[in-house]
């Protein structure tokens, strides 16, 4: 959470400029008057590990993960949910005090 009390969320990928996630998520967050900000980040594959550490240090609550990082992110996680492990891909990450946890929300639809 930043100093103004706004919690940070985002999506990472490369490329990412085409993503509609920031517009869609921010619309819902604003409409529901939730104290979150949702941003897109272009993260090149070679920057992935540093980017995850940086987002955690910046107190991001979580991020969505898109191509090309859905598989590459797995070894960088502290914990991976059963469904993500089963399909070998992560599309959602939560940053918690005790580590970085990966999920796959596509499995259950």
PDB file of N, CA and C in Angstrom:
ATOM      1  N   UNK A   1       0.848  -1.162   0.000  1.00  0.00           N
ATOM      2  CA  UNK A   1       0.000   0.000   0.000  1.00  0.00           C
ATOM      3  C   UNK A   1       0.900   1.234   0.000  1.00  0.00           C
ATOM      4  N   UNK A   2       0.582   2.215  -0.808  1.00  0.00           N
ATOM      5  CA  UNK A   2       1.391   3.423  -0.823  1.00  0.00           C
ATOM      6  C   UNK A   2       0.939   4.367   0.286  1.00  0.00           C
ATOM      7  N   UNK A   3       1.565   5.533   0.351  1.00  0.00           N
ATOM      8  CA  UNK A   3       1.297   6.474   1.439  1.00  0.00           C
ATOM      9  C   UNK A   3      -0.133   6.983   1.464  1.00  0.00           C
ATOM     10  N   UNK A   4      -0.788   7.010   0.327  1.00  0.00           N
ATOM     11  CA  UNK A   4      -2.165   7.509   0.272  1.00  0.00           C
ATOM     12  C   UNK A   4      -3.182   6.416   0.605  1.00  0.00           C
ATOM     13  N   UNK A   5      -2.719   5.214   0.912  1.00  0.00           N
ATOM     14  CA  UNK A   5      -3.627   4.127   1.243  1.00  0.00           C
ATOM     15  C   UNK A   5      -4.157   3.372   0.045  1.00  0.00           C
ATOM     16  N   UNK A   6      -3.618   3.651  -1.132  1.00  0.00           N
ATOM     17  CA  UNK A   6      -4.061   2.970  -2.348  1.00  0.00           C
ATOM     18  C   UNK A   6      -3.230   1.711  -2.535  1.00  0.00           C
ATOM     19  N   UNK A   7      -3.895   0.585  -2.714  1.00  0.00           N
ATOM     20  CA  UNK A   7      -3.218  -0.688  -2.942  1.00  0.00           C
ATOM     21  C   UNK A   7      -2.922  -0.825  -4.427  1.00  0.00           C
ATOM     22  N   UNK A   8      -1.780  -1.412  -4.732  1.00  0.00           N
ATOM     23  CA  UNK A   8      -1.321  -1.504  -6.110  1.00  0.00           C
ATOM     24  C   UNK A   8      -1.508  -2.914  -6.668  1.00  0.00           C
ATOM     25  N   UNK A   9      -1.996  -2.950  -7.911  1.00  0.00           N
ATOM     26  CA  UNK A   9      -2.171  -4.175  -8.687  1.00  0.00           C
ATOM     27  C   UNK A   9      -1.602  -3.928 -10.073  1.00  0.00           C
ATOM     28  N   UNK A  10      -1.391  -4.997 -10.847  1.00  0.00           N
ATOM     29  CA  UNK A  10      -0.899  -4.790 -12.196  1.00  0.00           C
ATOM     30  C   UNK A  10      -0.910  -6.049 -13.027  1.00  0.00           C
ATOM     31  N   UNK A  11      -0.413  -5.877 -14.235  1.00  0.00           N
ATOM     32  CA  UNK A  11      -0.238  -6.982 -15.169  1.00  0.00           C
ATOM     33  C   UNK A  11       1.155  -6.838 -15.764  1.00  0.00           C
ATOM     34  N   UNK A  12       1.853  -7.974 -15.912  1.00  0.00           N
ATOM     35  CA  UNK A  12       3.179  -7.961 -16.525  1.00  0.00           C
ATOM     36  C   UNK A  12       3.169  -8.827 -17.771  1.00  0.00           C
ATOM     37  N   UNK A  13       3.946  -8.412 -18.759  1.00  0.00           N
ATOM     38  CA  UNK A  13       4.073  -9.162 -19.995  1.00  0.00           C
ATOM     39  C   UNK A  13       5.004  -8.440 -20.945  1.00  0.00           C
ATOM     40  N   UNK A  14       5.222  -9.027 -22.112  1.00  0.00           N
ATOM     41  CA  UNK A  14       6.045  -8.400 -23.142  1.00  0.00           C
ATOM     42  C   UNK A  14       5.712  -9.036 -24.486  1.00  0.00           C
ATOM     43  N   UNK A  15       4.977  -8.313 -25.324  1.00  0.00           N
ATOM     44  CA  UNK A  15       4.517  -6.920 -25.190  1.00  0.00           C
ATOM     45  C   UNK A  15       3.317  -6.827 -24.250  1.00  0.00           C
ATOM     46  N   UNK A  16       2.991  -5.590 -23.866  1.00  0.00           N
ATOM     47  CA  UNK A  16       1.867  -5.379 -22.957  1.00  0.00           C
ATOM     48  C   UNK A  16       0.995  -4.198 -23.377  1.00  0.00           C
ATOM     49  N   UNK A  17       1.446  -3.404 -24.316  1.00  0.00           N
ATOM     50  CA  UNK A  17       0.705  -2.189 -24.695  1.00  0.00           C
ATOM     51  C   UNK A  17      -0.690  -2.490 -25.242  1.00  0.00           C
ATOM     52  N   UNK A  18      -0.904  -3.674 -25.768  1.00  0.00           N
ATOM     53  CA  UNK A  18      -2.210  -4.056 -26.326  1.00  0.00           C
ATOM     54  C   UNK A  18      -3.209  -4.501 -25.257  1.00  0.00           C
ATOM     55  N   UNK A  19      -2.730  -4.724 -24.038  1.00  0.00           N
ATOM     56  CA  UNK A  19      -3.576  -5.290 -22.986  1.00  0.00           C
ATOM     57  C   UNK A  19      -4.703  -4.342 -22.581  1.00  0.00           C
ATOM     58  N   UNK A  20      -5.896  -4.894 -22.502  1.00  0.00           N
ATOM     59  CA  UNK A  20      -7.058  -4.140 -22.026  1.00  0.00           C
ATOM     60  C   UNK A  20      -7.240  -4.276 -20.515  1.00  0.00           C
ATOM     61  N   UNK A  21      -6.419  -5.091 -19.880  1.00  0.00           N
ATOM     62  CA  UNK A  21      -6.554  -5.327 -18.441  1.00  0.00           C
ATOM     63  C   UNK A  21      -6.550  -4.047 -17.607  1.00  0.00           C
ATOM     64  N   UNK A  22      -5.626  -3.112 -17.834  1.00  0.00           N
ATOM     65  CA  UNK A  22      -5.645  -1.908 -17.001  1.00  0.00           C
ATOM     66  C   UNK A  22      -6.947  -1.115 -17.115  1.00  0.00           C
ATOM     67  N   UNK A  23      -7.455  -0.962 -18.313  1.00  0.00           N
ATOM     68  CA  UNK A  23      -8.695  -0.200 -18.510  1.00  0.00           C
ATOM     69  C   UNK A  23      -9.870  -0.919 -17.854  1.00  0.00           C
ATOM     70  N   UNK A  24      -9.985  -2.216 -18.093  1.00  0.00           N
ATOM     71  CA  UNK A  24     -11.104  -2.984 -17.531  1.00  0.00           C
ATOM     72  C   UNK A  24     -11.052  -3.022 -16.000  1.00  0.00           C
ATOM     73  N   UNK A  25      -9.890  -3.353 -15.465  1.00  0.00           N
ATOM     74  CA  UNK A  25      -9.771  -3.453 -14.012  1.00  0.00           C
ATOM     75  C   UNK A  25      -9.963  -2.097 -13.339  1.00  0.00           C
ATOM     76  N   UNK A  26      -9.346  -1.056 -13.899  1.00  0.00           N
ATOM     77  CA  UNK A  26      -9.464   0.256 -13.269  1.00  0.00           C
ATOM     78  C   UNK A  26     -10.900   0.765 -13.317  1.00  0.00           C
ATOM     79  N   UNK A  27     -11.619   0.455 -14.386  1.00  0.00           N
ATOM     80  CA  UNK A  27     -13.025   0.848 -14.476  1.00  0.00           C
ATOM     81  C   UNK A  27     -13.828   0.240 -13.323  1.00  0.00           C
ATOM     82  N   UNK A  28     -13.656  -1.068 -13.120  1.00  0.00           N
ATOM     83  CA  UNK A  28     -14.393  -1.760 -12.051  1.00  0.00           C
ATOM     84  C   UNK A  28     -13.954  -1.255 -10.677  1.00  0.00           C
ATOM     85  N   UNK A  29     -12.660  -1.110 -10.482  1.00  0.00           N
ATOM     86  CA  UNK A  29     -12.157  -0.635  -9.190  1.00  0.00           C
ATOM     87  C   UNK A  29     -12.705   0.749  -8.854  1.00  0.00           C
ATOM     88  N   UNK A  30     -12.729   1.622  -9.847  1.00  0.00           N
ATOM     89  CA  UNK A  30     -13.258   2.977  -9.641  1.00  0.00           C
ATOM     90  C   UNK A  30     -14.759   2.951  -9.399  1.00  0.00           C
ATOM     91  N   UNK A  31     -15.471   2.186 -10.213  1.00  0.00           N
ATOM     92  CA  UNK A  31     -16.922   2.106 -10.077  1.00  0.00           C
ATOM     93  C   UNK A  31     -17.325   1.609  -8.690  1.00  0.00           C
ATOM     94  N   UNK A  32     -16.572   0.639  -8.200  1.00  0.00           N
ATOM     95  CA  UNK A  32     -16.870   0.058  -6.889  1.00  0.00           C
ATOM     96  C   UNK A  32     -16.222   0.840  -5.741  1.00  0.00           C
ATOM     97  N   UNK A  33     -15.524   1.904  -6.090  1.00  0.00           N
ATOM     98  CA  UNK A  33     -14.846   2.770  -5.120  1.00  0.00           C
ATOM     99  C   UNK A  33     -13.882   1.987  -4.227  1.00  0.00           C
ATOM    100  N   UNK A  34     -13.134   1.089  -4.857  1.00  0.00           N
ATOM    101  CA  UNK A  34     -12.137   0.299  -4.144  1.00  0.00           C
ATOM    102  C   UNK A  34     -10.794   1.018  -4.196  1.00  0.00           C
ATOM    103  N   UNK A  35     -10.032   0.996  -3.126  1.00  0.00           N
ATOM    104  CA  UNK A  35      -8.778   1.744  -3.056  1.00  0.00           C
ATOM    105  C   UNK A  35      -7.600   1.024  -3.722  1.00  0.00           C
ATOM    106  N   UNK A  36      -7.748   0.750  -5.013  1.00  0.00           N
ATOM    107  CA  UNK A  36      -6.702   0.065  -5.772  1.00  0.00           C
ATOM    108  C   UNK A  36      -6.359   0.853  -7.031  1.00  0.00           C
ATOM    109  N   UNK A  37      -5.125   0.684  -7.480  1.00  0.00           N
ATOM    110  CA  UNK A  37      -4.654   1.234  -8.742  1.00  0.00           C
ATOM    111  C   UNK A  37      -4.091   0.057  -9.541  1.00  0.00           C
ATOM    112  N   UNK A  38      -4.466  -0.054 -10.821  1.00  0.00           N
ATOM    113  CA  UNK A  38      -4.051  -1.181 -11.658  1.00  0.00           C
ATOM    114  C   UNK A  38      -3.227  -0.648 -12.824  1.00  0.00           C
ATOM    115  N   UNK A  39      -2.010  -1.176 -12.995  1.00  0.00           N
ATOM    116  CA  UNK A  39      -1.095  -0.686 -14.020  1.00  0.00           C
ATOM    117  C   UNK A  39      -0.512  -1.835 -14.839  1.00  0.00           C
ATOM    118  N   UNK A  40      -0.120  -1.525 -16.057  1.00  0.00           N
ATOM    119  CA  UNK A  40       0.559  -2.499 -16.920  1.00  0.00           C
ATOM    120  C   UNK A  40       2.059  -2.223 -16.900  1.00  0.00           C
ATOM    121  N   UNK A  41       2.842  -3.304 -16.924  1.00  0.00           N
ATOM    122  CA  UNK A  41       4.292  -3.186 -16.931  1.00  0.00           C
ATOM    123  C   UNK A  41       4.878  -4.088 -18.007  1.00  0.00           C
ATOM    124  N   UNK A  42       5.628  -3.481 -18.911  1.00  0.00           N
ATOM    125  CA  UNK A  42       6.349  -4.278 -19.907  1.00  0.00           C
ATOM    126  C   UNK A  42       7.621  -4.778 -19.233  1.00  0.00           C
ATOM    127  N   UNK A  43       7.680  -6.071 -19.060  1.00  0.00           N
ATOM    128  CA  UNK A  43       8.823  -6.708 -18.414  1.00  0.00           C
ATOM    129  C   UNK A  43       9.437  -7.688 -19.403  1.00  0.00           C
ATOM    130  N   UNK A  44      10.658  -7.410 -19.797  1.00  0.00           N
ATOM    131  CA  UNK A  44      11.363  -8.319 -20.696  1.00  0.00           C
ATOM    132  C   UNK A  44      11.762  -9.574 -19.912  1.00  0.00           C
ATOM    133  N   UNK A  45      11.866 -10.712 -20.592  1.00  0.00           N
ATOM    134  CA  UNK A  45      12.193 -11.958 -19.896  1.00  0.00           C
ATOM    135  C   UNK A  45      13.423 -11.870 -18.991  1.00  0.00           C
ATOM    136  N   UNK A  46      14.461 -11.195 -19.446  1.00  0.00           N
ATOM    137  CA  UNK A  46      15.681 -11.082 -18.643  1.00  0.00           C
ATOM    138  C   UNK A  46      15.481 -10.241 -17.383  1.00  0.00           C
ATOM    139  N   UNK A  47      14.410  -9.468 -17.321  1.00  0.00           N
ATOM    140  CA  UNK A  47      14.135  -8.593 -16.176  1.00  0.00           C
ATOM    141  C   UNK A  47      13.140  -9.199 -15.183  1.00  0.00           C
ATOM    142  N   UNK A  48      12.641 -10.385 -15.457  1.00  0.00           N
ATOM    143  CA  UNK A  48      11.533 -10.944 -14.690  1.00  0.00           C
ATOM    144  C   UNK A  48      11.833 -11.075 -13.191  1.00  0.00           C
ATOM    145  N   UNK A  49      12.947 -11.662 -12.830  1.00  0.00           N
ATOM    146  CA  UNK A  49      13.270 -11.866 -11.413  1.00  0.00           C
ATOM    147  C   UNK A  49      13.399 -10.541 -10.677  1.00  0.00           C
ATOM    148  N   UNK A  50      14.093  -9.601 -11.268  1.00  0.00           N
ATOM    149  CA  UNK A  50      14.272  -8.283 -10.650  1.00  0.00           C
ATOM    150  C   UNK A  50      12.931  -7.569 -10.535  1.00  0.00           C
ATOM    151  N   UNK A  51      12.099  -7.690 -11.560  1.00  0.00           N
ATOM    152  CA  UNK A  51      10.785  -7.032 -11.553  1.00  0.00           C
ATOM    153  C   UNK A  51       9.905  -7.568 -10.429  1.00  0.00           C
ATOM    154  N   UNK A  52       9.878  -8.883 -10.236  1.00  0.00           N
ATOM    155  CA  UNK A  52       9.068  -9.459  -9.153  1.00  0.00           C
ATOM    156  C   UNK A  52       9.521  -8.946  -7.790  1.00  0.00           C
ATOM    157  N   UNK A  53      10.813  -8.929  -7.569  1.00  0.00           N
ATOM    158  CA  UNK A  53      11.339  -8.417  -6.296  1.00  0.00           C
ATOM    159  C   UNK A  53      10.976  -6.948  -6.116  1.00  0.00           C
ATOM    160  N   UNK A  54      11.089  -6.188  -7.179  1.00  0.00           N
ATOM    161  CA  UNK A  54      10.771  -4.761  -7.122  1.00  0.00           C
ATOM    162  C   UNK A  54       9.300  -4.516  -6.813  1.00  0.00           C
ATOM    163  N   UNK A  55       8.417  -5.248  -7.476  1.00  0.00           N
ATOM    164  CA  UNK A  55       6.981  -5.086  -7.236  1.00  0.00           C
ATOM    165  C   UNK A  55       6.628  -5.462  -5.798  1.00  0.00           C
ATOM    166  N   UNK A  56       7.250  -6.508  -5.289  1.00  0.00           N
ATOM    167  CA  UNK A  56       7.005  -6.908  -3.890  1.00  0.00           C
ATOM    168  C   UNK A  56       7.489  -5.816  -2.937  1.00  0.00           C
ATOM    169  N   UNK A  57       8.682  -5.279  -3.191  1.00  0.00           N
ATOM    170  CA  UNK A  57       9.228  -4.219  -2.334  1.00  0.00           C
ATOM    171  C   UNK A  57       8.389  -2.946  -2.394  1.00  0.00           C
ATOM    172  N   UNK A  58       7.730  -2.732  -3.532  1.00  0.00           N
ATOM    173  CA  UNK A  58       6.866  -1.555  -3.682  1.00  0.00           C
ATOM    174  C   UNK A  58       5.471  -1.802  -3.099  1.00  0.00           C
ATOM    175  N   UNK A  59       5.323  -2.919  -2.412  1.00  0.00           N
ATOM    176  CA  UNK A  59       4.073  -3.277  -1.727  1.00  0.00           C
ATOM    177  C   UNK A  59       2.886  -3.497  -2.657  1.00  0.00           C
ATOM    178  N   UNK A  60       3.143  -4.052  -3.833  1.00  0.00           N
ATOM    179  CA  UNK A  60       2.033  -4.457  -4.693  1.00  0.00           C
ATOM    180  C   UNK A  60       1.286  -5.588  -4.001  1.00  0.00           C
ATOM    181  N   UNK A  61      -0.023  -5.582  -4.123  1.00  0.00           N
ATOM    182  CA  UNK A  61      -0.839  -6.660  -3.553  1.00  0.00           C
ATOM    183  C   UNK A  61      -0.776  -7.897  -4.424  1.00  0.00           C
ATOM    184  N   UNK A  62      -0.765  -7.692  -5.747  1.00  0.00           N
ATOM    185  CA  UNK A  62      -0.727  -8.808  -6.673  1.00  0.00           C
ATOM    186  C   UNK A  62      -0.638  -8.331  -8.099  1.00  0.00           C
ATOM    187  N   UNK A  63      -0.376  -9.282  -8.990  1.00  0.00           N
ATOM    188  CA  UNK A  63      -0.286  -8.975 -10.416  1.00  0.00           C
ATOM    189  C   UNK A  63      -0.876 -10.123 -11.223  1.00  0.00           C
ATOM    190  N   UNK A  64      -1.295  -9.785 -12.414  1.00  0.00           N
ATOM    191  CA  UNK A  64      -1.645 -10.789 -13.409  1.00  0.00           C
ATOM    192  C   UNK A  64      -0.412 -11.005 -14.265  1.00  0.00           C
ATOM    193  N   UNK A  65      -0.280 -12.201 -14.792  1.00  0.00           N
ATOM    194  CA  UNK A  65       0.890 -12.570 -15.588  1.00  0.00           C
ATOM    195  C   UNK A  65       0.413 -13.020 -16.955  1.00  0.00           C
ATOM    196  N   UNK A  66       0.997 -12.441 -17.997  1.00  0.00           N
ATOM    197  CA  UNK A  66       0.669 -12.852 -19.354  1.00  0.00           C
ATOM    198  C   UNK A  66       1.956 -13.238 -20.077  1.00  0.00           C
ATOM    199  N   UNK A  67       1.835 -13.561 -21.348  1.00  0.00           N
ATOM    200  CA  UNK A  67       2.980 -14.023 -22.131  1.00  0.00           C
ATOM    201  C   UNK A  67       4.078 -12.969 -22.161  1.00  0.00           C
ATOM    202  N   UNK A  68       5.306 -13.392 -22.122  1.00  0.00           N
ATOM    203  CA  UNK A  68       5.834 -14.759 -22.166  1.00  0.00           C
ATOM    204  C   UNK A  68       6.192 -15.335 -20.791  1.00  0.00           C
ATOM    205  N   UNK A  69       5.616 -14.807 -19.733  1.00  0.00           N
ATOM    206  CA  UNK A  69       6.079 -15.116 -18.378  1.00  0.00           C
ATOM    207  C   UNK A  69       5.312 -16.199 -17.617  1.00  0.00           C
ATOM    208  N   UNK A  70       4.241 -16.736 -18.172  1.00  0.00           N
ATOM    209  CA  UNK A  70       3.378 -17.662 -17.421  1.00  0.00           C
ATOM    210  C   UNK A  70       4.100 -18.914 -16.927  1.00  0.00           C
ATOM    211  N   UNK A  71       5.100 -19.363 -17.653  1.00  0.00           N
ATOM    212  CA  UNK A  71       5.877 -20.529 -17.223  1.00  0.00           C
ATOM    213  C   UNK A  71       7.192 -20.109 -16.582  1.00  0.00           C
ATOM    214  N   UNK A  72       7.805 -19.080 -17.133  1.00  0.00           N
ATOM    215  CA  UNK A  72       9.111 -18.633 -16.635  1.00  0.00           C
ATOM    216  C   UNK A  72       9.063 -18.133 -15.198  1.00  0.00           C
ATOM    217  N   UNK A  73       7.905 -17.684 -14.751  1.00  0.00           N
ATOM    218  CA  UNK A  73       7.776 -17.134 -13.401  1.00  0.00           C
ATOM    219  C   UNK A  73       7.768 -18.228 -12.321  1.00  0.00           C
ATOM    220  N   UNK A  74       7.433 -19.438 -12.681  1.00  0.00           N
ATOM    221  CA  UNK A  74       7.249 -20.513 -11.697  1.00  0.00           C
ATOM    222  C   UNK A  74       8.464 -20.724 -10.785  1.00  0.00           C
ATOM    223  N   UNK A  75       9.687 -20.823 -11.313  1.00  0.00           N
ATOM    224  CA  UNK A  75      10.817 -21.047 -10.402  1.00  0.00           C
ATOM    225  C   UNK A  75      11.119 -19.863  -9.480  1.00  0.00           C
ATOM    226  N   UNK A  76      10.526 -18.720  -9.748  1.00  0.00           N
ATOM    227  CA  UNK A  76      10.770 -17.521  -8.944  1.00  0.00           C
ATOM    228  C   UNK A  76       9.795 -17.381  -7.777  1.00  0.00           C
ATOM    229  N   UNK A  77       8.823 -18.281  -7.709  1.00  0.00           N
ATOM    230  CA  UNK A  77       7.785 -18.210  -6.687  1.00  0.00           C
ATOM    231  C   UNK A  77       8.188 -18.979  -5.434  1.00  0.00           C
ATOM    232  N   UNK A  78       7.663 -18.540  -4.303  1.00  0.00           N
ATOM    233  CA  UNK A  78       7.887 -19.255  -3.049  1.00  0.00           C
ATOM    234  C   UNK A  78       6.912 -20.411  -2.889  1.00  0.00           C
ATOM    235  N   UNK A  79       5.743 -20.268  -3.497  1.00  0.00           N
ATOM    236  CA  UNK A  79       4.707 -21.291  -3.400  1.00  0.00           C
ATOM    237  C   UNK A  79       3.866 -21.235  -4.671  1.00  0.00           C
ATOM    238  N   UNK A  80       3.375 -22.399  -5.101  1.00  0.00           N
ATOM    239  CA  UNK A  80       2.528 -22.459  -6.294  1.00  0.00           C
ATOM    240  C   UNK A  80       1.294 -23.309  -5.969  1.00  0.00           C
ATOM    241  N   UNK A  81       0.141 -22.796  -6.332  1.00  0.00           N
ATOM    242  CA  UNK A  81      -1.114 -23.500  -6.070  1.00  0.00           C
ATOM    243  C   UNK A  81      -1.194 -24.779  -6.902  1.00  0.00           C
ATOM    244  N   UNK A  82      -1.952 -25.725  -6.416  1.00  0.00           N
ATOM    245  CA  UNK A  82      -2.086 -27.036  -7.048  1.00  0.00           C
ATOM    246  C   UNK A  82      -2.497 -26.938  -8.508  1.00  0.00           C
ATOM    247  N   UNK A  83      -3.502 -26.113  -8.812  1.00  0.00           N
ATOM    248  CA  UNK A  83      -3.978 -26.020 -10.200  1.00  0.00           C
ATOM    249  C   UNK A  83      -2.920 -25.417 -11.120  1.00  0.00           C
ATOM    250  N   UNK A  84      -2.141 -24.473 -10.635  1.00  0.00           N
ATOM    251  CA  UNK A  84      -1.076 -23.881 -11.442  1.00  0.00           C
ATOM    252  C   UNK A  84       0.028 -24.904 -11.696  1.00  0.00           C
ATOM    253  N   UNK A  85       0.349 -25.660 -10.682  1.00  0.00           N
ATOM    254  CA  UNK A  85       1.364 -26.711 -10.826  1.00  0.00           C
ATOM    255  C   UNK A  85       0.897 -27.756 -11.832  1.00  0.00           C
ATOM    256  N   UNK A  86      -0.377 -28.121 -11.783  1.00  0.00           N
ATOM    257  CA  UNK A  86      -0.923 -29.152 -12.673  1.00  0.00           C
ATOM    258  C   UNK A  86      -0.854 -28.745 -14.139  1.00  0.00           C
ATOM    259  N   UNK A  87      -1.103 -27.477 -14.433  1.00  0.00           N
ATOM    260  CA  UNK A  87      -1.081 -27.027 -15.832  1.00  0.00           C
ATOM    261  C   UNK A  87       0.260 -26.432 -16.234  1.00  0.00           C
ATOM    262  N   UNK A  88       1.145 -26.207 -15.268  1.00  0.00           N
ATOM    263  CA  UNK A  88       2.473 -25.690 -15.565  1.00  0.00           C
ATOM    264  C   UNK A  88       2.493 -24.240 -15.991  1.00  0.00           C
ATOM    265  N   UNK A  89       1.528 -23.462 -15.490  1.00  0.00           N
ATOM    266  CA  UNK A  89       1.471 -22.045 -15.853  1.00  0.00           C
ATOM    267  C   UNK A  89       0.819 -21.244 -14.734  1.00  0.00           C
ATOM    268  N   UNK A  90       1.305 -20.020 -14.556  1.00  0.00           N
ATOM    269  CA  UNK A  90       0.779 -19.101 -13.543  1.00  0.00           C
ATOM    270  C   UNK A  90       0.281 -17.849 -14.245  1.00  0.00           C
ATOM    271  N   UNK A  91      -0.933 -17.411 -13.903  1.00  0.00           N
ATOM    272  CA  UNK A  91      -1.434 -16.158 -14.476  1.00  0.00           C
ATOM    273  C   UNK A  91      -1.813 -15.127 -13.416  1.00  0.00           C
ATOM    274  N   UNK A  92      -1.669 -15.494 -12.150  1.00  0.00           N
ATOM    275  CA  UNK A  92      -1.987 -14.579 -11.057  1.00  0.00           C
ATOM    276  C   UNK A  92      -0.983 -14.787  -9.931  1.00  0.00           C
ATOM    277  N   UNK A  93      -0.459 -13.684  -9.417  1.00  0.00           N
ATOM    278  CA  UNK A  93       0.509 -13.742  -8.324  1.00  0.00           C
ATOM    279  C   UNK A  93       0.031 -12.856  -7.186  1.00  0.00           C
ATOM    280  N   UNK A  94       0.128 -13.391  -5.975  1.00  0.00           N
ATOM    281  CA  UNK A  94      -0.133 -12.610  -4.770  1.00  0.00           C
ATOM    282  C   UNK A  94       1.187 -12.388  -4.053  1.00  0.00           C
ATOM    283  N   UNK A  95       1.410 -11.152  -3.627  1.00  0.00           N
ATOM    284  CA  UNK A  95       2.581 -10.828  -2.818  1.00  0.00           C
ATOM    285  C   UNK A  95       2.131 -10.796  -1.362  1.00  0.00           C
ATOM    286  N   UNK A  96       2.688 -11.692  -0.571  1.00  0.00           N
ATOM    287  CA  UNK A  96       2.334 -11.745   0.842  1.00  0.00           C
ATOM    288  C   UNK A  96       3.587 -11.602   1.692  1.00  0.00           C
ATOM    289  N   UNK A  97       3.417 -11.334   2.957  1.00  0.00           N
ATOM    290  CA  UNK A  97       4.564 -11.141   3.850  1.00  0.00           C
ATOM    291  C   UNK A  97       5.506 -12.330   3.822  1.00  0.00           C
ATOM    292  N   UNK A  98       4.943 -13.520   3.695  1.00  0.00           N
ATOM    293  CA  UNK A  98       5.753 -14.733   3.770  1.00  0.00           C
ATOM    294  C   UNK A  98       6.154 -15.276   2.406  1.00  0.00           C
ATOM    295  N   UNK A  99       5.962 -14.493   1.355  1.00  0.00           N
ATOM    296  CA  UNK A  99       6.419 -14.947   0.058  1.00  0.00           C
ATOM    297  C   UNK A  99       5.526 -14.563  -1.100  1.00  0.00           C
ATOM    298  N   UNK A 100       5.921 -15.066  -2.251  1.00  0.00           N
ATOM    299  CA  UNK A 100       5.222 -14.803  -3.506  1.00  0.00           C
ATOM    300  C   UNK A 100       4.528 -16.096  -3.920  1.00  0.00           C
ATOM    301  N   UNK A 101       3.210 -16.013  -4.129  1.00  0.00           N
ATOM    302  CA  UNK A 101       2.405 -17.205  -4.397  1.00  0.00           C
ATOM    303  C   UNK A 101       1.774 -17.107  -5.778  1.00  0.00           C
ATOM    304  N   UNK A 102       1.884 -18.179  -6.564  1.00  0.00           N
ATOM    305  CA  UNK A 102       1.337 -18.216  -7.917  1.00  0.00           C
ATOM    306  C   UNK A 102       0.102 -19.082  -8.038  1.00  0.00           C
ATOM    307  N   UNK A 103      -0.845 -18.616  -8.867  1.00  0.00           N
ATOM    308  CA  UNK A 103      -2.107 -19.314  -9.118  1.00  0.00           C
ATOM    309  C   UNK A 103      -2.375 -19.347 -10.614  1.00  0.00           C
ATOM    310  N   UNK A 104      -3.303 -20.193 -11.019  1.00  0.00           N
ATOM    311  CA  UNK A 104      -3.819 -20.153 -12.382  1.00  0.00           C
ATOM    312  C   UNK A 104      -5.337 -20.100 -12.295  1.00  0.00           C
ATOM    313  N   UNK A 105      -5.897 -18.957 -12.637  1.00  0.00           N
ATOM    314  CA  UNK A 105      -7.346 -18.757 -12.543  1.00  0.00           C
ATOM    315  C   UNK A 105      -8.084 -19.227 -13.788  1.00  0.00           C
ATOM    316  N   UNK A 106      -7.359 -19.632 -14.820  1.00  0.00           N
ATOM    317  CA  UNK A 106      -8.000 -20.129 -16.045  1.00  0.00           C
ATOM    318  C   UNK A 106      -8.513 -21.557 -15.887  1.00  0.00           C
ATOM    319  N   UNK A 107      -7.949 -22.292 -14.960  1.00  0.00           N
ATOM    320  CA  UNK A 107      -8.267 -23.710 -14.811  1.00  0.00           C
ATOM    321  C   UNK A 107      -9.740 -23.930 -14.494  1.00  0.00           C
ATOM    322  N   UNK A 108     -10.244 -23.195 -13.528  1.00  0.00           N
ATOM    323  CA  UNK A 108     -11.629 -23.391 -13.109  1.00  0.00           C
ATOM    324  C   UNK A 108     -12.608 -22.494 -13.852  1.00  0.00           C
ATOM    325  N   UNK A 109     -12.095 -21.618 -14.700  1.00  0.00           N
ATOM    326  CA  UNK A 109     -12.965 -20.752 -15.498  1.00  0.00           C
ATOM    327  C   UNK A 109     -13.500 -19.675 -14.704  1.00  0.00           C
TER     328      UNK A 109
END
